[in-house]
Amino acid sequence: MSHVRTITRRHSLQRLGLLACGWGLPLTTGCGDAQSRAFDEIRRKLLVEDLPPRTLSLAEAYAAFEEGQQVAVVGRIFSTLGSPFDRDTAAFNLIELPKPGHSHDDPNDCPFCKRDLENAASAIVQVLDASGQVLKASADKLLGLSKNQDVVVAGFVSKVGDFMLISARLMHVLSQEKSLEFAKRIHG
């Protein structure tokens, strides 16, 4: 658990933890082609074109939570604390999709979105190596992700306190149309 405390101290997202899942890929710490090939291999295995058959909202995932269960959740990469990405590891903050029509770059600019954001379900998504350690590369660089991007993440769940952690096994980046479809389903 010292790994969890170390990440939590230096991580702006708060309440990170360690999960059991691996890729079986060595991630080199040097620059150049070896690291580039390792990143490409991780992207190829993690990022998929097809959506999982059953995708839950973050609130639904919390309601049905069972330690170690595999789930697929939809959400937006976002944090009110600055960047949703840990700059040193492949971890990021995922929040519930906003209501349709309220897709601001900064929800704090809208009083309705700000209120909803304060009560929204959220989770930390982590990409782990074969030894169960969070990869030592920022998820935005490793996976080509960005703040305010909507994704479906499939993986194993765990909790640290009341906070859900998802060990990503597959990830799908949503189109605007698909994101709106999920937002309408979630917010009825």
C-alpha atoms as a PDB file:
ATOM      1  CA  MET A   1       0.000   0.000   0.000  1.00  0.00           C
ATOM      2  CA  SER A   2       2.989   2.354   0.152  1.00  0.00           C
ATOM      3  CA  HIS A   3       2.634   2.652  -3.643  1.00  0.00           C
ATOM      4  CA  VAL A   4      -0.914   3.964  -3.145  1.00  0.00           C
ATOM      5  CA  ARG A   5       0.262   6.569  -0.612  1.00  0.00           C
ATOM      6  CA  THR A   6       3.082   7.695  -2.906  1.00  0.00           C
ATOM      7  CA  ILE A   7       0.774   8.209  -5.877  1.00  0.00           C
ATOM      8  CA  THR A   8      -1.859   9.928  -3.739  1.00  0.00           C
ATOM      9  CA  ARG A   9       0.651  12.418  -2.370  1.00  0.00           C
ATOM     10  CA  ARG A  10       1.997  13.503  -5.735  1.00  0.00           C
ATOM     11  CA  HIS A  11      -1.161  13.066  -7.751  1.00  0.00           C
ATOM     12  CA  SER A  12      -3.605  15.929  -8.239  1.00  0.00           C
ATOM     13  CA  LEU A  13      -6.565  13.599  -8.692  1.00  0.00           C
ATOM     14  CA  GLN A  14      -6.646  12.291  -5.072  1.00  0.00           C
ATOM     15  CA  ARG A  15      -7.426   8.799  -3.766  1.00  0.00           C
ATOM     16  CA  LEU A  16      -5.552   6.637  -6.277  1.00  0.00           C
ATOM     17  CA  GLY A  17      -4.964   2.960  -5.590  1.00  0.00           C
ATOM     18  CA  LEU A  18      -3.330  -0.164  -6.922  1.00  0.00           C
ATOM     19  CA  LEU A  19      -5.298  -2.808  -8.834  1.00  0.00           C
ATOM     20  CA  ALA A  20      -4.408  -6.256 -10.125  1.00  0.00           C
ATOM     21  CA  CYS A  21      -4.241  -6.381 -13.921  1.00  0.00           C
ATOM     22  CA  GLY A  22      -1.388  -6.595 -16.334  1.00  0.00           C
ATOM     23  CA  TRP A  23      -0.363  -6.214 -19.917  1.00  0.00           C
ATOM     24  CA  GLY A  24       2.703  -8.407 -20.109  1.00  0.00           C
ATOM     25  CA  LEU A  25       4.522  -5.583 -21.889  1.00  0.00           C
ATOM     26  CA  PRO A  26       7.796  -4.141 -20.738  1.00  0.00           C
ATOM     27  CA  LEU A  27       7.688  -0.353 -20.785  1.00  0.00           C
ATOM     28  CA  THR A  28      11.123   1.073 -21.313  1.00  0.00           C
ATOM     29  CA  THR A  29      12.134   4.235 -19.562  1.00  0.00           C
ATOM     30  CA  GLY A  30      14.483   5.390 -22.319  1.00  0.00           C
ATOM     31  CA  CYS A  31      13.635   7.579 -25.252  1.00  0.00           C
ATOM     32  CA  GLY A  32      13.323   6.639 -28.867  1.00  0.00           C
ATOM     33  CA  ASP A  33      12.093   3.701 -30.850  1.00  0.00           C
ATOM     34  CA  ALA A  34      11.835   1.113 -28.061  1.00  0.00           C
ATOM     35  CA  GLN A  35       9.538   3.329 -26.006  1.00  0.00           C
ATOM     36  CA  SER A  36       7.573   4.318 -29.097  1.00  0.00           C
ATOM     37  CA  ARG A  37       7.037   0.658 -30.012  1.00  0.00           C
ATOM     38  CA  ALA A  38       5.961  -0.158 -26.455  1.00  0.00           C
ATOM     39  CA  PHE A  39       3.449   2.740 -26.482  1.00  0.00           C
ATOM     40  CA  ASP A  40       2.127   1.631 -29.888  1.00  0.00           C
ATOM     41  CA  GLU A  41       1.651  -1.923 -28.585  1.00  0.00           C
ATOM     42  CA  ILE A  42      -0.225  -0.689 -25.517  1.00  0.00           C
ATOM     43  CA  ARG A  43      -2.475   1.542 -27.688  1.00  0.00           C
ATOM     44  CA  ARG A  44      -3.131  -1.348 -30.084  1.00  0.00           C
ATOM     45  CA  LYS A  45      -4.218  -3.646 -27.253  1.00  0.00           C
ATOM     46  CA  LEU A  46      -6.130  -1.104 -25.169  1.00  0.00           C
ATOM     47  CA  LEU A  47      -7.940   1.139 -27.673  1.00  0.00           C
ATOM     48  CA  VAL A  48     -10.723  -0.706 -29.520  1.00  0.00           C
ATOM     49  CA  GLU A  49     -13.241   0.211 -32.212  1.00  0.00           C
ATOM     50  CA  ASP A  50     -16.202  -1.801 -30.872  1.00  0.00           C
ATOM     51  CA  LEU A  51     -18.198  -0.847 -27.816  1.00  0.00           C
ATOM     52  CA  PRO A  52     -18.659  -3.423 -25.049  1.00  0.00           C
ATOM     53  CA  PRO A  53     -22.142  -5.017 -25.140  1.00  0.00           C
ATOM     54  CA  ARG A  54     -23.304  -3.562 -21.792  1.00  0.00           C
ATOM     55  CA  THR A  55     -22.078  -0.119 -20.771  1.00  0.00           C
ATOM     56  CA  LEU A  56     -23.033   1.456 -17.451  1.00  0.00           C
ATOM     57  CA  SER A  57     -22.998   5.017 -16.239  1.00  0.00           C
ATOM     58  CA  LEU A  58     -20.599   5.642 -13.360  1.00  0.00           C
ATOM     59  CA  ALA A  59     -23.567   5.926 -10.979  1.00  0.00           C
ATOM     60  CA  GLU A  60     -24.869   2.531 -12.179  1.00  0.00           C
ATOM     61  CA  ALA A  61     -21.411   1.008 -11.706  1.00  0.00           C
ATOM     62  CA  TYR A  62     -21.284   2.299  -8.130  1.00  0.00           C
ATOM     63  CA  ALA A  63     -24.764   0.913  -7.421  1.00  0.00           C
ATOM     64  CA  ALA A  64     -23.830  -2.548  -8.765  1.00  0.00           C
ATOM     65  CA  PHE A  65     -20.274  -2.520  -7.391  1.00  0.00           C
ATOM     66  CA  GLU A  66     -18.606  -5.815  -6.514  1.00  0.00           C
ATOM     67  CA  GLU A  67     -14.894  -5.870  -5.705  1.00  0.00           C
ATOM     68  CA  GLY A  68     -12.863  -7.206  -8.642  1.00  0.00           C
ATOM     69  CA  GLN A  69     -15.807  -7.398 -11.034  1.00  0.00           C
ATOM     70  CA  GLN A  70     -15.301  -6.424 -14.664  1.00  0.00           C
ATOM     71  CA  VAL A  71     -17.470  -3.552 -15.880  1.00  0.00           C
ATOM     72  CA  ALA A  72     -17.709  -1.169 -18.813  1.00  0.00           C
ATOM     73  CA  VAL A  73     -18.470   2.446 -17.917  1.00  0.00           C
ATOM     74  CA  VAL A  74     -18.994   5.587 -19.938  1.00  0.00           C
ATOM     75  CA  GLY A  75     -17.709   8.943 -18.804  1.00  0.00           C
ATOM     76  CA  ARG A  76     -15.858  12.146 -19.570  1.00  0.00           C
ATOM     77  CA  ILE A  77     -12.181  12.743 -18.868  1.00  0.00           C
ATOM     78  CA  PHE A  78     -12.350  15.781 -16.582  1.00  0.00           C
ATOM     79  CA  SER A  79     -11.195  17.221 -13.261  1.00  0.00           C
ATOM     80  CA  THR A  80     -12.029  20.420 -11.437  1.00  0.00           C
ATOM     81  CA  LEU A  81      -8.507  20.368  -9.967  1.00  0.00           C
ATOM     82  CA  GLY A  82      -6.744  21.182 -13.241  1.00  0.00           C
ATOM     83  CA  SER A  83      -5.568  18.461 -15.579  1.00  0.00           C
ATOM     84  CA  PRO A  84      -7.487  15.182 -15.276  1.00  0.00           C
ATOM     85  CA  PHE A  85      -4.242  13.342 -16.137  1.00  0.00           C
ATOM     86  CA  ASP A  86      -1.510  12.395 -13.726  1.00  0.00           C
ATOM     87  CA  ARG A  87       1.637  13.716 -15.378  1.00  0.00           C
ATOM     88  CA  ASP A  88       3.800  10.828 -14.121  1.00  0.00           C
ATOM     89  CA  THR A  89       1.557   7.775 -14.537  1.00  0.00           C
ATOM     90  CA  ALA A  90      -1.117   6.374 -16.846  1.00  0.00           C
ATOM     91  CA  ALA A  91      -4.034   7.447 -14.661  1.00  0.00           C
ATOM     92  CA  PHE A  92      -6.857   9.907 -15.199  1.00  0.00           C
ATOM     93  CA  ASN A  93     -10.087  11.129 -13.670  1.00  0.00           C
ATOM     94  CA  LEU A  94     -13.389  10.090 -15.259  1.00  0.00           C
ATOM     95  CA  ILE A  95     -16.693  11.791 -14.403  1.00  0.00           C
ATOM     96  CA  GLU A  96     -20.309  11.078 -15.320  1.00  0.00           C
ATOM     97  CA  LEU A  97     -21.306  12.387 -18.744  1.00  0.00           C
ATOM     98  CA  PRO A  98     -22.974  15.804 -18.501  1.00  0.00           C
ATOM     99  CA  LYS A  99     -26.603  16.332 -19.381  1.00  0.00           C
ATOM    100  CA  PRO A 100     -27.263  16.833 -23.105  1.00  0.00           C
ATOM    101  CA  GLY A 101     -26.895  20.495 -24.026  1.00  0.00           C
ATOM    102  CA  HIS A 102     -24.459  21.171 -21.189  1.00  0.00           C
ATOM    103  CA  SER A 103     -21.117  20.218 -22.667  1.00  0.00           C
ATOM    104  CA  HIS A 104     -18.946  23.163 -21.666  1.00  0.00           C
ATOM    105  CA  ASP A 105     -15.163  23.130 -21.796  1.00  0.00           C
ATOM    106  CA  ASP A 106     -15.305  24.211 -18.166  1.00  0.00           C
ATOM    107  CA  PRO A 107     -18.504  23.191 -16.322  1.00  0.00           C
ATOM    108  CA  ASN A 108     -17.617  25.736 -13.634  1.00  0.00           C
ATOM    109  CA  ASP A 109     -18.744  28.420 -16.123  1.00  0.00           C
ATOM    110  CA  CYS A 110     -22.351  27.194 -15.853  1.00  0.00           C
ATOM    111  CA  PRO A 111     -24.120  27.250 -12.464  1.00  0.00           C
ATOM    112  CA  PHE A 112     -26.260  24.222 -13.402  1.00  0.00           C
ATOM    113  CA  CYS A 113     -23.275  22.176 -14.579  1.00  0.00           C
ATOM    114  CA  LYS A 114     -21.227  23.248 -11.576  1.00  0.00           C
ATOM    115  CA  ARG A 115     -23.946  21.974  -9.221  1.00  0.00           C
ATOM    116  CA  ASP A 116     -24.277  18.715 -11.169  1.00  0.00           C
ATOM    117  CA  LEU A 117     -20.508  18.280 -11.234  1.00  0.00           C
ATOM    118  CA  GLU A 118     -20.295  18.536  -7.449  1.00  0.00           C
ATOM    119  CA  ASN A 119     -22.710  15.603  -7.163  1.00  0.00           C
ATOM    120  CA  ALA A 120     -21.523  13.579 -10.170  1.00  0.00           C
ATOM    121  CA  ALA A 121     -20.095  10.104  -9.820  1.00  0.00           C
ATOM    122  CA  SER A 122     -16.424   9.851 -10.699  1.00  0.00           C
ATOM    123  CA  ALA A 123     -13.644   7.290 -10.795  1.00  0.00           C
ATOM    124  CA  ILE A 124      -9.927   7.000 -11.435  1.00  0.00           C
ATOM    125  CA  VAL A 125      -8.886   4.970 -14.482  1.00  0.00           C
ATOM    126  CA  GLN A 126      -5.454   3.367 -14.425  1.00  0.00           C
ATOM    127  CA  VAL A 127      -3.421   1.468 -17.019  1.00  0.00           C
ATOM    128  CA  LEU A 128      -1.193  -1.107 -15.341  1.00  0.00           C
ATOM    129  CA  ASP A 129       1.820  -3.083 -16.453  1.00  0.00           C
ATOM    130  CA  ALA A 130       2.313  -6.850 -16.098  1.00  0.00           C
ATOM    131  CA  SER A 131       3.474  -6.479 -12.487  1.00  0.00           C
ATOM    132  CA  GLY A 132       0.345  -4.543 -11.470  1.00  0.00           C
ATOM    133  CA  GLN A 133       2.070  -1.168 -11.306  1.00  0.00           C
ATOM    134  CA  VAL A 134       0.609   1.929 -12.931  1.00  0.00           C
ATOM    135  CA  LEU A 135       2.553   2.597 -16.143  1.00  0.00           C
ATOM    136  CA  LYS A 136       5.052   5.437 -15.844  1.00  0.00           C
ATOM    137  CA  ALA A 137       3.768   7.544 -18.731  1.00  0.00           C
ATOM    138  CA  SER A 138       0.946  10.071 -18.694  1.00  0.00           C
ATOM    139  CA  ALA A 139      -2.249   8.601 -20.178  1.00  0.00           C
ATOM    140  CA  ASP A 140      -2.758  11.596 -22.461  1.00  0.00           C
ATOM    141  CA  LYS A 141       0.623  10.986 -24.107  1.00  0.00           C
ATOM    142  CA  LEU A 142       0.477   7.187 -23.901  1.00  0.00           C
ATOM    143  CA  LEU A 143      -3.039   6.863 -25.342  1.00  0.00           C
ATOM    144  CA  GLY A 144      -3.544  10.161 -27.177  1.00  0.00           C
ATOM    145  CA  LEU A 145      -6.399  11.216 -24.873  1.00  0.00           C
ATOM    146  CA  SER A 146      -7.477  14.737 -23.939  1.00  0.00           C
ATOM    147  CA  LYS A 147      -9.508  16.603 -21.330  1.00  0.00           C
ATOM    148  CA  ASN A 148     -13.275  16.632 -22.034  1.00  0.00           C
ATOM    149  CA  GLN A 149     -13.031  13.523 -24.209  1.00  0.00           C
ATOM    150  CA  ASP A 150     -15.823  10.983 -23.730  1.00  0.00           C
ATOM    151  CA  VAL A 151     -14.796   7.344 -23.459  1.00  0.00           C
ATOM    152  CA  VAL A 152     -16.025   3.902 -22.541  1.00  0.00           C
ATOM    153  CA  VAL A 153     -13.607   2.060 -20.272  1.00  0.00           C
ATOM    154  CA  ALA A 154     -13.856  -1.664 -19.596  1.00  0.00           C
ATOM    155  CA  GLY A 155     -11.869  -3.112 -16.731  1.00  0.00           C
ATOM    156  CA  PHE A 156     -11.792  -4.485 -13.225  1.00  0.00           C
ATOM    157  CA  VAL A 157     -13.042  -2.317 -10.370  1.00  0.00           C
ATOM    158  CA  SER A 158     -11.831  -1.804  -6.843  1.00  0.00           C
ATOM    159  CA  LYS A 159     -12.410   0.804  -4.160  1.00  0.00           C
ATOM    160  CA  VAL A 160     -10.225   2.904  -1.948  1.00  0.00           C
ATOM    161  CA  GLY A 161     -12.613   4.171   0.692  1.00  0.00           C
ATOM    162  CA  ASP A 162     -15.737   5.119  -1.239  1.00  0.00           C
ATOM    163  CA  PHE A 163     -13.829   5.951  -4.422  1.00  0.00           C
ATOM    164  CA  MET A 164     -13.913   3.571  -7.407  1.00  0.00           C
ATOM    165  CA  LEU A 165     -10.761   2.661  -9.308  1.00  0.00           C
ATOM    166  CA  ILE A 166     -10.894   1.041 -12.745  1.00  0.00           C
ATOM    167  CA  SER A 167      -8.032  -1.025 -14.080  1.00  0.00           C
ATOM    168  CA  ALA A 168      -8.481  -0.442 -17.812  1.00  0.00           C
ATOM    169  CA  ARG A 169      -8.416  -3.495 -20.071  1.00  0.00           C
ATOM    170  CA  LEU A 170     -10.153  -1.921 -23.080  1.00  0.00           C
ATOM    171  CA  MET A 171     -11.065   1.626 -24.017  1.00  0.00           C
ATOM    172  CA  HIS A 172     -13.244   3.115 -26.754  1.00  0.00           C
ATOM    173  CA  VAL A 173     -13.173   6.828 -27.621  1.00  0.00           C
ATOM    174  CA  LEU A 174     -16.734   7.990 -28.335  1.00  0.00           C
ATOM    175  CA  SER A 175     -17.891  10.048 -31.272  1.00  0.00           C
ATOM    176  CA  GLN A 176     -20.002  13.122 -30.431  1.00  0.00           C
ATOM    177  CA  GLU A 177     -23.112  11.334 -31.658  1.00  0.00           C
ATOM    178  CA  LYS A 178     -22.511   8.240 -29.526  1.00  0.00           C
ATOM    179  CA  SER A 179     -21.646  10.393 -26.516  1.00  0.00           C
ATOM    180  CA  LEU A 180     -24.932  12.293 -26.882  1.00  0.00           C
ATOM    181  CA  GLU A 181     -26.798   8.982 -27.167  1.00  0.00           C
ATOM    182  CA  PHE A 182     -25.258   7.766 -23.883  1.00  0.00           C
ATOM    183  CA  ALA A 183     -25.907  11.134 -22.167  1.00  0.00           C
ATOM    184  CA  LYS A 184     -29.604  10.977 -23.137  1.00  0.00           C
ATOM    185  CA  ARG A 185     -29.885   7.424 -21.783  1.00  0.00           C
ATOM    186  CA  ILE A 186     -28.140   8.330 -18.513  1.00  0.00           C
ATOM    187  CA  HIS A 187     -30.067  11.537 -17.859  1.00  0.00           C
ATOM    188  CA  GLY A 188     -33.382  10.345 -19.272  1.00  0.00           C
END
